[in-house]
């Protein structure tokens, strides 16, 4: 992923409402996937309220521990299709959330986004 925009979480909530409402979970929708949106906090209130979705109240502390949301117009999404990563890139792989290391700096510029 190439980061193309950085928003605060409140700005992201506003962005999702205006530009991408499908990011807001909607568990009343007949398509069960709509319950999985990632704009899970309503920042029109203070403190922000957790919207109904797949996260529970036990996730609030972790969910709100960051300050920014990273957006990208240039990214790779593999979904459920596993594709092997070249051996020389294995060292930058981290499973899960909270990726905060800079192991990929030596590889910057290797991928052409165009």
PDB file of N, CA and C in Angstrom:
ATOM      1  N   UNK A   1       0.838  -1.170   0.000  1.00  0.00           N
ATOM      2  CA  UNK A   1       0.000   0.000   0.000  1.00  0.00           C
ATOM      3  C   UNK A   1       0.883   1.233   0.000  1.00  0.00           C
ATOM      4  N   UNK A   2       0.523   2.177  -0.842  1.00  0.00           N
ATOM      5  CA  UNK A   2       1.162   3.485  -0.817  1.00  0.00           C
ATOM      6  C   UNK A   2       0.168   4.444  -0.156  1.00  0.00           C
ATOM      7  N   UNK A   3       0.553   5.042   0.953  1.00  0.00           N
ATOM      8  CA  UNK A   3      -0.327   5.967   1.661  1.00  0.00           C
ATOM      9  C   UNK A   3      -0.497   7.221   0.817  1.00  0.00           C
ATOM     10  N   UNK A   4      -1.754   7.550   0.498  1.00  0.00           N
ATOM     11  CA  UNK A   4      -2.032   8.741  -0.298  1.00  0.00           C
ATOM     12  C   UNK A   4      -2.754   9.813   0.496  1.00  0.00           C
ATOM     13  N   UNK A   5      -3.250   9.463   1.689  1.00  0.00           N
ATOM     14  CA  UNK A   5      -3.917  10.457   2.525  1.00  0.00           C
ATOM     15  C   UNK A   5      -3.920   9.972   3.972  1.00  0.00           C
ATOM     16  N   UNK A   6      -3.738  10.901   4.890  1.00  0.00           N
ATOM     17  CA  UNK A   6      -3.789  10.598   6.322  1.00  0.00           C
ATOM     18  C   UNK A   6      -4.884  11.465   6.923  1.00  0.00           C
ATOM     19  N   UNK A   7      -5.843  10.825   7.592  1.00  0.00           N
ATOM     20  CA  UNK A   7      -6.946  11.531   8.240  1.00  0.00           C
ATOM     21  C   UNK A   7      -6.993  11.177   9.713  1.00  0.00           C
ATOM     22  N   UNK A   8      -7.491  12.091  10.531  1.00  0.00           N
ATOM     23  CA  UNK A   8      -7.784  11.711  11.909  1.00  0.00           C
ATOM     24  C   UNK A   8      -8.974  10.760  11.856  1.00  0.00           C
ATOM     25  N   UNK A   9      -9.239  10.061  12.932  1.00  0.00           N
ATOM     26  CA  UNK A   9     -10.364   9.133  12.922  1.00  0.00           C
ATOM     27  C   UNK A   9     -11.686   9.892  12.780  1.00  0.00           C
ATOM     28  N   UNK A  10     -11.782  11.077  13.360  1.00  0.00           N
ATOM     29  CA  UNK A  10     -12.991  11.890  13.198  1.00  0.00           C
ATOM     30  C   UNK A  10     -13.144  12.341  11.742  1.00  0.00           C
ATOM     31  N   UNK A  11     -12.056  12.728  11.104  1.00  0.00           N
ATOM     32  CA  UNK A  11     -12.114  13.109   9.694  1.00  0.00           C
ATOM     33  C   UNK A  11     -12.516  11.912   8.827  1.00  0.00           C
ATOM     34  N   UNK A  12     -12.023  10.729   9.181  1.00  0.00           N
ATOM     35  CA  UNK A  12     -12.373   9.526   8.434  1.00  0.00           C
ATOM     36  C   UNK A  12     -13.865   9.234   8.546  1.00  0.00           C
ATOM     37  N   UNK A  13     -14.422   9.386   9.737  1.00  0.00           N
ATOM     38  CA  UNK A  13     -15.856   9.175   9.923  1.00  0.00           C
ATOM     39  C   UNK A  13     -16.640  10.136   9.020  1.00  0.00           C
ATOM     40  N   UNK A  14     -16.232  11.387   8.988  1.00  0.00           N
ATOM     41  CA  UNK A  14     -16.892  12.387   8.147  1.00  0.00           C
ATOM     42  C   UNK A  14     -16.723  12.033   6.666  1.00  0.00           C
ATOM     43  N   UNK A  15     -15.513  11.612   6.272  1.00  0.00           N
ATOM     44  CA  UNK A  15     -15.233  11.199   4.899  1.00  0.00           C
ATOM     45  C   UNK A  15     -16.130  10.021   4.499  1.00  0.00           C
ATOM     46  N   UNK A  16     -16.239   9.036   5.395  1.00  0.00           N
ATOM     47  CA  UNK A  16     -17.053   7.847   5.097  1.00  0.00           C
ATOM     48  C   UNK A  16     -18.520   8.233   4.915  1.00  0.00           C
ATOM     49  N   UNK A  17     -19.019   9.110   5.755  1.00  0.00           N
ATOM     50  CA  UNK A  17     -20.420   9.537   5.633  1.00  0.00           C
ATOM     51  C   UNK A  17     -20.688  10.192   4.281  1.00  0.00           C
ATOM     52  N   UNK A  18     -19.751  11.045   3.844  1.00  0.00           N
ATOM     53  CA  UNK A  18     -19.973  11.830   2.633  1.00  0.00           C
ATOM     54  C   UNK A  18     -19.569  11.112   1.352  1.00  0.00           C
ATOM     55  N   UNK A  19     -18.428  10.414   1.382  1.00  0.00           N
ATOM     56  CA  UNK A  19     -17.861   9.881   0.144  1.00  0.00           C
ATOM     57  C   UNK A  19     -17.950   8.371  -0.012  1.00  0.00           C
ATOM     58  N   UNK A  20     -18.087   7.660   1.089  1.00  0.00           N
ATOM     59  CA  UNK A  20     -18.082   6.192   0.988  1.00  0.00           C
ATOM     60  C   UNK A  20     -18.948   5.582   2.098  1.00  0.00           C
ATOM     61  N   UNK A  21     -20.261   5.812   2.042  1.00  0.00           N
ATOM     62  CA  UNK A  21     -21.122   5.332   3.132  1.00  0.00           C
ATOM     63  C   UNK A  21     -21.123   3.819   3.315  1.00  0.00           C
ATOM     64  N   UNK A  22     -20.683   3.066   2.305  1.00  0.00           N
ATOM     65  CA  UNK A  22     -20.620   1.608   2.477  1.00  0.00           C
ATOM     66  C   UNK A  22     -19.550   1.203   3.483  1.00  0.00           C
ATOM     67  N   UNK A  23     -18.676   2.126   3.870  1.00  0.00           N
ATOM     68  CA  UNK A  23     -17.676   1.848   4.907  1.00  0.00           C
ATOM     69  C   UNK A  23     -18.315   1.811   6.293  1.00  0.00           C
ATOM     70  N   UNK A  24     -19.514   2.372   6.424  1.00  0.00           N
ATOM     71  CA  UNK A  24     -20.221   2.397   7.714  1.00  0.00           C
ATOM     72  C   UNK A  24     -21.016   1.098   7.832  1.00  0.00           C
ATOM     73  N   UNK A  25     -20.793   0.321   8.904  1.00  0.00           N
ATOM     74  CA  UNK A  25     -21.503  -0.948   9.050  1.00  0.00           C
ATOM     75  C   UNK A  25     -23.020  -0.744   9.045  1.00  0.00           C
ATOM     76  N   UNK A  26     -23.712  -1.638   8.364  1.00  0.00           N
ATOM     77  CA  UNK A  26     -25.174  -1.607   8.315  1.00  0.00           C
ATOM     78  C   UNK A  26     -25.683  -3.026   8.510  1.00  0.00           C
ATOM     79  N   UNK A  27     -25.926  -3.390   9.752  1.00  0.00           N
ATOM     80  CA  UNK A  27     -26.348  -4.752  10.073  1.00  0.00           C
ATOM     81  C   UNK A  27     -27.819  -4.998   9.769  1.00  0.00           C
ATOM     82  N   UNK A  28     -28.541  -3.968   9.312  1.00  0.00           N
ATOM     83  CA  UNK A  28     -29.933  -4.160   8.918  1.00  0.00           C
ATOM     84  C   UNK A  28     -30.044  -4.532   7.441  1.00  0.00           C
ATOM     85  N   UNK A  29     -28.946  -4.424   6.701  1.00  0.00           N
ATOM     86  CA  UNK A  29     -28.938  -4.724   5.275  1.00  0.00           C
ATOM     87  C   UNK A  29     -29.062  -6.233   5.061  1.00  0.00           C
ATOM     88  N   UNK A  30     -29.756  -6.626   4.010  1.00  0.00           N
ATOM     89  CA  UNK A  30     -29.922  -8.058   3.728  1.00  0.00           C
ATOM     90  C   UNK A  30     -28.604  -8.721   3.313  1.00  0.00           C
ATOM     91  N   UNK A  31     -27.651  -7.929   2.845  1.00  0.00           N
ATOM     92  CA  UNK A  31     -26.318  -8.451   2.511  1.00  0.00           C
ATOM     93  C   UNK A  31     -25.477  -8.432   3.784  1.00  0.00           C
ATOM     94  N   UNK A  32     -25.223  -9.594   4.333  1.00  0.00           N
ATOM     95  CA  UNK A  32     -24.536  -9.709   5.621  1.00  0.00           C
ATOM     96  C   UNK A  32     -23.144  -9.065   5.605  1.00  0.00           C
ATOM     97  N   UNK A  33     -22.521  -8.957   4.426  1.00  0.00           N
ATOM     98  CA  UNK A  33     -21.202  -8.324   4.326  1.00  0.00           C
ATOM     99  C   UNK A  33     -21.234  -6.852   4.710  1.00  0.00           C
ATOM    100  N   UNK A  34     -22.413  -6.211   4.598  1.00  0.00           N
ATOM    101  CA  UNK A  34     -22.539  -4.787   4.933  1.00  0.00           C
ATOM    102  C   UNK A  34     -22.376  -4.540   6.433  1.00  0.00           C
ATOM    103  N   UNK A  35     -22.394  -5.571   7.233  1.00  0.00           N
ATOM    104  CA  UNK A  35     -22.179  -5.436   8.672  1.00  0.00           C
ATOM    105  C   UNK A  35     -20.695  -5.302   8.992  1.00  0.00           C
ATOM    106  N   UNK A  36     -19.844  -5.442   7.977  1.00  0.00           N
ATOM    107  CA  UNK A  36     -18.397  -5.479   8.186  1.00  0.00           C
ATOM    108  C   UNK A  36     -17.693  -4.166   7.873  1.00  0.00           C
ATOM    109  N   UNK A  37     -18.399  -3.074   7.701  1.00  0.00           N
ATOM    110  CA  UNK A  37     -17.752  -1.804   7.396  1.00  0.00           C
ATOM    111  C   UNK A  37     -16.698  -1.433   8.422  1.00  0.00           C
ATOM    112  N   UNK A  38     -15.730  -0.624   8.018  1.00  0.00           N
ATOM    113  CA  UNK A  38     -14.648  -0.295   8.950  1.00  0.00           C
ATOM    114  C   UNK A  38     -14.761   1.106   9.568  1.00  0.00           C
ATOM    115  N   UNK A  39     -15.781   1.884   9.214  1.00  0.00           N
ATOM    116  CA  UNK A  39     -16.015   3.176   9.875  1.00  0.00           C
ATOM    117  C   UNK A  39     -16.944   2.884  11.055  1.00  0.00           C
ATOM    118  N   UNK A  40     -16.381   2.235  12.061  1.00  0.00           N
ATOM    119  CA  UNK A  40     -17.216   1.665  13.131  1.00  0.00           C
ATOM    120  C   UNK A  40     -17.488   2.615  14.290  1.00  0.00           C
ATOM    121  N   UNK A  41     -16.930   3.822  14.229  1.00  0.00           N
ATOM    122  CA  UNK A  41     -17.179   4.787  15.302  1.00  0.00           C
ATOM    123  C   UNK A  41     -17.829   6.044  14.768  1.00  0.00           C
ATOM    124  N   UNK A  42     -18.861   6.482  15.465  1.00  0.00           N
ATOM    125  CA  UNK A  42     -19.595   7.695  15.132  1.00  0.00           C
ATOM    126  C   UNK A  42     -18.979   8.838  15.930  1.00  0.00           C
ATOM    127  N   UNK A  43     -18.286   9.723  15.228  1.00  0.00           N
ATOM    128  CA  UNK A  43     -17.596  10.839  15.878  1.00  0.00           C
ATOM    129  C   UNK A  43     -18.460  12.087  15.980  1.00  0.00           C
ATOM    130  N   UNK A  44     -19.764  11.983  15.679  1.00  0.00           N
ATOM    131  CA  UNK A  44     -20.633  13.139  15.861  1.00  0.00           C
ATOM    132  C   UNK A  44     -20.952  13.334  17.338  1.00  0.00           C
ATOM    133  N   UNK A  45     -20.581  12.390  18.162  1.00  0.00           N
ATOM    134  CA  UNK A  45     -20.765  12.467  19.614  1.00  0.00           C
ATOM    135  C   UNK A  45     -19.401  12.489  20.286  1.00  0.00           C
ATOM    136  N   UNK A  46     -19.379  12.959  21.510  1.00  0.00           N
ATOM    137  CA  UNK A  46     -18.134  12.942  22.279  1.00  0.00           C
ATOM    138  C   UNK A  46     -18.418  12.321  23.640  1.00  0.00           C
ATOM    139  N   UNK A  47     -17.790  11.205  23.967  1.00  0.00           N
ATOM    140  CA  UNK A  47     -16.815  10.458  23.183  1.00  0.00           C
ATOM    141  C   UNK A  47     -17.501   9.757  22.009  1.00  0.00           C
ATOM    142  N   UNK A  48     -16.704   9.317  21.028  1.00  0.00           N
ATOM    143  CA  UNK A  48     -17.295   8.639  19.871  1.00  0.00           C
ATOM    144  C   UNK A  48     -18.044   7.382  20.296  1.00  0.00           C
ATOM    145  N   UNK A  49     -19.128   7.096  19.584  1.00  0.00           N
ATOM    146  CA  UNK A  49     -19.945   5.910  19.883  1.00  0.00           C
ATOM    147  C   UNK A  49     -19.630   4.804  18.881  1.00  0.00           C
ATOM    148  N   UNK A  50     -19.585   3.595  19.391  1.00  0.00           N
ATOM    149  CA  UNK A  50     -19.354   2.441  18.527  1.00  0.00           C
ATOM    150  C   UNK A  50     -20.655   2.100  17.802  1.00  0.00           C
ATOM    151  N   UNK A  51     -20.581   2.008  16.481  1.00  0.00           N
ATOM    152  CA  UNK A  51     -21.747   1.615  15.698  1.00  0.00           C
ATOM    153  C   UNK A  51     -21.949   0.104  15.821  1.00  0.00           C
ATOM    154  N   UNK A  52     -23.183  -0.322  15.626  1.00  0.00           N
ATOM    155  CA  UNK A  52     -23.470  -1.751  15.666  1.00  0.00           C
ATOM    156  C   UNK A  52     -22.758  -2.420  14.493  1.00  0.00           C
ATOM    157  N   UNK A  53     -22.013  -3.462  14.793  1.00  0.00           N
ATOM    158  CA  UNK A  53     -21.249  -4.187  13.780  1.00  0.00           C
ATOM    159  C   UNK A  53     -20.643  -5.417  14.407  1.00  0.00           C
ATOM    160  N   UNK A  54     -19.516  -5.849  13.877  1.00  0.00           N
ATOM    161  CA  UNK A  54     -18.892  -7.078  14.366  1.00  0.00           C
ATOM    162  C   UNK A  54     -17.966  -6.846  15.557  1.00  0.00           C
ATOM    163  N   UNK A  55     -17.621  -5.591  15.851  1.00  0.00           N
ATOM    164  CA  UNK A  55     -16.784  -5.316  17.015  1.00  0.00           C
ATOM    165  C   UNK A  55     -17.654  -5.220  18.256  1.00  0.00           C
ATOM    166  N   UNK A  56     -17.098  -5.664  19.366  1.00  0.00           N
ATOM    167  CA  UNK A  56     -17.819  -5.584  20.631  1.00  0.00           C
ATOM    168  C   UNK A  56     -17.248  -4.448  21.470  1.00  0.00           C
ATOM    169  N   UNK A  57     -17.875  -4.172  22.586  1.00  0.00           N
ATOM    170  CA  UNK A  57     -17.379  -3.107  23.469  1.00  0.00           C
ATOM    171  C   UNK A  57     -15.979  -3.443  23.992  1.00  0.00           C
ATOM    172  N   UNK A  58     -15.597  -4.715  23.961  1.00  0.00           N
ATOM    173  CA  UNK A  58     -14.258  -5.105  24.384  1.00  0.00           C
ATOM    174  C   UNK A  58     -13.173  -4.640  23.429  1.00  0.00           C
ATOM    175  N   UNK A  59     -13.540  -4.197  22.235  1.00  0.00           N
ATOM    176  CA  UNK A  59     -12.581  -3.711  21.248  1.00  0.00           C
ATOM    177  C   UNK A  59     -12.330  -2.207  21.322  1.00  0.00           C
ATOM    178  N   UNK A  60     -13.138  -1.486  22.074  1.00  0.00           N
ATOM    179  CA  UNK A  60     -13.097  -0.015  22.052  1.00  0.00           C
ATOM    180  C   UNK A  60     -11.716   0.529  22.391  1.00  0.00           C
ATOM    181  N   UNK A  61     -11.105   0.060  23.467  1.00  0.00           N
ATOM    182  CA  UNK A  61      -9.796   0.599  23.876  1.00  0.00           C
ATOM    183  C   UNK A  61      -8.759   0.428  22.765  1.00  0.00           C
ATOM    184  N   UNK A  62      -8.697  -0.750  22.181  1.00  0.00           N
ATOM    185  CA  UNK A  62      -7.744  -0.996  21.098  1.00  0.00           C
ATOM    186  C   UNK A  62      -8.103  -0.188  19.854  1.00  0.00           C
ATOM    187  N   UNK A  63      -9.384  -0.197  19.490  1.00  0.00           N
ATOM    188  CA  UNK A  63      -9.825   0.514  18.291  1.00  0.00           C
ATOM    189  C   UNK A  63      -9.494   1.998  18.348  1.00  0.00           C
ATOM    190  N   UNK A  64      -9.643   2.602  19.495  1.00  0.00           N
ATOM    191  CA  UNK A  64      -9.455   4.052  19.634  1.00  0.00           C
ATOM    192  C   UNK A  64      -8.065   4.436  20.123  1.00  0.00           C
ATOM    193  N   UNK A  65      -7.145   3.472  20.166  1.00  0.00           N
ATOM    194  CA  UNK A  65      -5.809   3.763  20.681  1.00  0.00           C
ATOM    195  C   UNK A  65      -4.934   4.512  19.683  1.00  0.00           C
ATOM    196  N   UNK A  66      -5.303   4.507  18.419  1.00  0.00           N
ATOM    197  CA  UNK A  66      -4.543   5.239  17.405  1.00  0.00           C
ATOM    198  C   UNK A  66      -5.095   6.632  17.228  1.00  0.00           C
ATOM    199  N   UNK A  67      -4.474   7.388  16.339  1.00  0.00           N
ATOM    200  CA  UNK A  67      -4.976   8.740  16.110  1.00  0.00           C
ATOM    201  C   UNK A  67      -5.294   8.997  14.646  1.00  0.00           C
ATOM    202  N   UNK A  68      -4.771   8.175  13.739  1.00  0.00           N
ATOM    203  CA  UNK A  68      -4.957   8.435  12.316  1.00  0.00           C
ATOM    204  C   UNK A  68      -5.455   7.211  11.567  1.00  0.00           C
ATOM    205  N   UNK A  69      -6.023   7.483  10.394  1.00  0.00           N
ATOM    206  CA  UNK A  69      -6.443   6.459   9.445  1.00  0.00           C
ATOM    207  C   UNK A  69      -5.640   6.709   8.174  1.00  0.00           C
ATOM    208  N   UNK A  70      -5.095   5.658   7.609  1.00  0.00           N
ATOM    209  CA  UNK A  70      -4.307   5.775   6.380  1.00  0.00           C
ATOM    210  C   UNK A  70      -5.165   5.347   5.195  1.00  0.00           C
ATOM    211  N   UNK A  71      -5.233   6.193   4.184  1.00  0.00           N
ATOM    212  CA  UNK A  71      -5.981   5.879   2.967  1.00  0.00           C
ATOM    213  C   UNK A  71      -5.004   5.687   1.820  1.00  0.00           C
ATOM    214  N   UNK A  72      -5.439   4.932   0.825  1.00  0.00           N
ATOM    215  CA  UNK A  72      -4.584   4.681  -0.324  1.00  0.00           C
ATOM    216  C   UNK A  72      -5.415   4.529  -1.587  1.00  0.00           C
ATOM    217  N   UNK A  73      -4.899   5.050  -2.672  1.00  0.00           N
ATOM    218  CA  UNK A  73      -5.477   4.812  -3.989  1.00  0.00           C
ATOM    219  C   UNK A  73      -4.646   3.751  -4.724  1.00  0.00           C
ATOM    220  N   UNK A  74      -3.529   3.376  -4.125  1.00  0.00           N
ATOM    221  CA  UNK A  74      -2.607   2.406  -4.722  1.00  0.00           C
ATOM    222  C   UNK A  74      -2.302   1.318  -3.695  1.00  0.00           C
ATOM    223  N   UNK A  75      -2.939   0.173  -3.851  1.00  0.00           N
ATOM    224  CA  UNK A  75      -2.735  -0.911  -2.896  1.00  0.00           C
ATOM    225  C   UNK A  75      -3.015  -2.244  -3.582  1.00  0.00           C
ATOM    226  N   UNK A  76      -2.584  -3.294  -2.945  1.00  0.00           N
ATOM    227  CA  UNK A  76      -2.878  -4.639  -3.409  1.00  0.00           C
ATOM    228  C   UNK A  76      -3.773  -5.291  -2.373  1.00  0.00           C
ATOM    229  N   UNK A  77      -4.871  -5.864  -2.812  1.00  0.00           N
ATOM    230  CA  UNK A  77      -5.779  -6.590  -1.933  1.00  0.00           C
ATOM    231  C   UNK A  77      -5.901  -8.003  -2.476  1.00  0.00           C
ATOM    232  N   UNK A  78      -5.553  -8.962  -1.660  1.00  0.00           N
ATOM    233  CA  UNK A  78      -5.555 -10.348  -2.110  1.00  0.00           C
ATOM    234  C   UNK A  78      -6.784 -11.117  -1.648  1.00  0.00           C
ATOM    235  N   UNK A  79      -7.543 -10.567  -0.699  1.00  0.00           N
ATOM    236  CA  UNK A  79      -8.740 -11.254  -0.224  1.00  0.00           C
ATOM    237  C   UNK A  79      -8.416 -12.656   0.220  1.00  0.00           C
ATOM    238  N   UNK A  80      -9.179 -13.598  -0.259  1.00  0.00           N
ATOM    239  CA  UNK A  80      -8.940 -14.988   0.138  1.00  0.00           C
ATOM    240  C   UNK A  80      -8.071 -15.735  -0.865  1.00  0.00           C
ATOM    241  N   UNK A  81      -7.423 -15.002  -1.780  1.00  0.00           N
ATOM    242  CA  UNK A  81      -6.549 -15.624  -2.770  1.00  0.00           C
ATOM    243  C   UNK A  81      -5.101 -15.419  -2.328  1.00  0.00           C
ATOM    244  N   UNK A  82      -4.524 -16.453  -1.783  1.00  0.00           N
ATOM    245  CA  UNK A  82      -3.147 -16.372  -1.307  1.00  0.00           C
ATOM    246  C   UNK A  82      -2.189 -16.373  -2.484  1.00  0.00           C
ATOM    247  N   UNK A  83      -1.311 -15.383  -2.508  1.00  0.00           N
ATOM    248  CA  UNK A  83      -0.279 -15.328  -3.543  1.00  0.00           C
ATOM    249  C   UNK A  83       1.074 -15.312  -2.853  1.00  0.00           C
ATOM    250  N   UNK A  84       1.987 -16.113  -3.325  1.00  0.00           N
ATOM    251  CA  UNK A  84       3.292 -16.179  -2.656  1.00  0.00           C
ATOM    252  C   UNK A  84       4.046 -14.857  -2.781  1.00  0.00           C
ATOM    253  N   UNK A  85       4.674 -14.482  -1.702  1.00  0.00           N
ATOM    254  CA  UNK A  85       5.502 -13.281  -1.669  1.00  0.00           C
ATOM    255  C   UNK A  85       6.939 -13.704  -1.942  1.00  0.00           C
ATOM    256  N   UNK A  86       7.666 -12.975  -2.769  1.00  0.00           N
ATOM    257  CA  UNK A  86       9.057 -13.352  -3.027  1.00  0.00           C
ATOM    258  C   UNK A  86       9.858 -13.479  -1.729  1.00  0.00           C
ATOM    259  N   UNK A  87      10.777 -14.396  -1.709  1.00  0.00           N
ATOM    260  CA  UNK A  87      11.571 -14.677  -0.509  1.00  0.00           C
ATOM    261  C   UNK A  87      12.251 -13.425   0.036  1.00  0.00           C
ATOM    262  N   UNK A  88      12.743 -12.543  -0.861  1.00  0.00           N
ATOM    263  CA  UNK A  88      13.467 -11.365  -0.377  1.00  0.00           C
ATOM    264  C   UNK A  88      12.548 -10.350   0.311  1.00  0.00           C
ATOM    265  N   UNK A  89      11.224 -10.539   0.225  1.00  0.00           N
ATOM    266  CA  UNK A  89      10.289  -9.646   0.911  1.00  0.00           C
ATOM    267  C   UNK A  89       9.686 -10.282   2.164  1.00  0.00           C
ATOM    268  N   UNK A  90      10.012 -11.532   2.451  1.00  0.00           N
ATOM    269  CA  UNK A  90       9.443 -12.211   3.616  1.00  0.00           C
ATOM    270  C   UNK A  90       9.738 -11.477   4.927  1.00  0.00           C
ATOM    271  N   UNK A  91      10.871 -10.794   4.999  1.00  0.00           N
ATOM    272  CA  UNK A  91      11.253 -10.101   6.228  1.00  0.00           C
ATOM    273  C   UNK A  91      10.375  -8.923   6.598  1.00  0.00           C
ATOM    274  N   UNK A  92       9.551  -8.427   5.676  1.00  0.00           N
ATOM    275  CA  UNK A  92       8.696  -7.282   5.993  1.00  0.00           C
ATOM    276  C   UNK A  92       7.280  -7.704   6.376  1.00  0.00           C
ATOM    277  N   UNK A  93       7.014  -8.998   6.368  1.00  0.00           N
ATOM    278  CA  UNK A  93       5.673  -9.490   6.648  1.00  0.00           C
ATOM    279  C   UNK A  93       5.411  -9.491   8.149  1.00  0.00           C
ATOM    280  N   UNK A  94       4.275  -8.938   8.518  1.00  0.00           N
ATOM    281  CA  UNK A  94       3.802  -9.008   9.898  1.00  0.00           C
ATOM    282  C   UNK A  94       2.325  -9.332   9.851  1.00  0.00           C
ATOM    283  N   UNK A  95       1.900 -10.338  10.559  1.00  0.00           N
ATOM    284  CA  UNK A  95       0.491 -10.698  10.605  1.00  0.00           C
ATOM    285  C   UNK A  95      -0.227  -9.824  11.619  1.00  0.00           C
ATOM    286  N   UNK A  96      -1.446  -9.429  11.311  1.00  0.00           N
ATOM    287  CA  UNK A  96      -2.283  -8.715  12.267  1.00  0.00           C
ATOM    288  C   UNK A  96      -2.187  -7.207  12.151  1.00  0.00           C
ATOM    289  N   UNK A  97      -2.725  -6.550  13.151  1.00  0.00           N
ATOM    290  CA  UNK A  97      -2.820  -5.100  13.168  1.00  0.00           C
ATOM    291  C   UNK A  97      -1.593  -4.469  13.819  1.00  0.00           C
ATOM    292  N   UNK A  98      -1.554  -3.163  13.754  1.00  0.00           N
ATOM    293  CA  UNK A  98      -0.568  -2.342  14.456  1.00  0.00           C
ATOM    294  C   UNK A  98       0.834  -2.499  13.862  1.00  0.00           C
ATOM    295  N   UNK A  99       0.924  -2.539  12.558  1.00  0.00           N
ATOM    296  CA  UNK A  99       2.208  -2.636  11.873  1.00  0.00           C
ATOM    297  C   UNK A  99       2.909  -1.292  11.977  1.00  0.00           C
ATOM    298  N   UNK A 100       3.996  -1.217  12.733  1.00  0.00           N
ATOM    299  CA  UNK A 100       4.652   0.059  12.975  1.00  0.00           C
ATOM    300  C   UNK A 100       6.156   0.026  12.713  1.00  0.00           C
ATOM    301  N   UNK A 101       6.643  -0.998  12.081  1.00  0.00           N
ATOM    302  CA  UNK A 101       8.073  -1.069  11.807  1.00  0.00           C
ATOM    303  C   UNK A 101       8.368  -0.522  10.420  1.00  0.00           C
ATOM    304  N   UNK A 102       9.629  -0.253  10.155  1.00  0.00           N
ATOM    305  CA  UNK A 102      10.015   0.322   8.872  1.00  0.00           C
ATOM    306  C   UNK A 102      10.911  -0.628   8.079  1.00  0.00           C
ATOM    307  N   UNK A 103      10.626  -1.919   8.193  1.00  0.00           N
ATOM    308  CA  UNK A 103      11.436  -2.918   7.497  1.00  0.00           C
ATOM    309  C   UNK A 103      11.296  -2.830   5.985  1.00  0.00           C
ATOM    310  N   UNK A 104      10.241  -2.172   5.498  1.00  0.00           N
ATOM    311  CA  UNK A 104      10.049  -2.107   4.052  1.00  0.00           C
ATOM    312  C   UNK A 104      10.773  -0.929   3.410  1.00  0.00           C
ATOM    313  N   UNK A 105      11.418  -0.062   4.176  1.00  0.00           N
ATOM    314  CA  UNK A 105      12.114   1.090   3.598  1.00  0.00           C
ATOM    315  C   UNK A 105      13.124   0.708   2.503  1.00  0.00           C
ATOM    316  N   UNK A 106      13.889  -0.388   2.661  1.00  0.00           N
ATOM    317  CA  UNK A 106      14.823  -0.746   1.583  1.00  0.00           C
ATOM    318  C   UNK A 106      14.128  -1.092   0.262  1.00  0.00           C
ATOM    319  N   UNK A 107      12.833  -1.389   0.320  1.00  0.00           N
ATOM    320  CA  UNK A 107      12.102  -1.807  -0.872  1.00  0.00           C
ATOM    321  C   UNK A 107      11.294  -0.679  -1.500  1.00  0.00           C
ATOM    322  N   UNK A 108      11.344   0.521  -0.920  1.00  0.00           N
ATOM    323  CA  UNK A 108      10.595   1.644  -1.475  1.00  0.00           C
ATOM    324  C   UNK A 108      11.037   1.916  -2.903  1.00  0.00           C
ATOM    325  N   UNK A 109      10.086   2.197  -3.744  1.00  0.00           N
ATOM    326  CA  UNK A 109      10.394   2.505  -5.141  1.00  0.00           C
ATOM    327  C   UNK A 109      10.494   1.282  -6.029  1.00  0.00           C
ATOM    328  N   UNK A 110      10.447   0.080  -5.454  1.00  0.00           N
ATOM    329  CA  UNK A 110      10.570  -1.133  -6.274  1.00  0.00           C
ATOM    330  C   UNK A 110       9.278  -1.450  -7.018  1.00  0.00           C
ATOM    331  N   UNK A 111       8.147  -0.967  -6.513  1.00  0.00           N
ATOM    332  CA  UNK A 111       6.867  -1.278  -7.123  1.00  0.00           C
ATOM    333  C   UNK A 111       6.400  -0.063  -7.927  1.00  0.00           C
ATOM    334  N   UNK A 112       6.062  -0.296  -9.159  1.00  0.00           N
ATOM    335  CA  UNK A 112       5.526   0.776  -9.995  1.00  0.00           C
ATOM    336  C   UNK A 112       4.012   0.786  -9.848  1.00  0.00           C
ATOM    337  N   UNK A 113       3.435   1.898  -9.450  1.00  0.00           N
ATOM    338  CA  UNK A 113       2.001   2.013  -9.239  1.00  0.00           C
ATOM    339  C   UNK A 113       1.265   2.333 -10.527  1.00  0.00           C
ATOM    340  N   UNK A 114       1.939   2.645 -11.557  1.00  0.00           N
ATOM    341  CA  UNK A 114       1.276   3.050 -12.807  1.00  0.00           C
ATOM    342  C   UNK A 114       1.126   1.879 -13.733  1.00  0.00           C
TER     343      UNK A 114
END
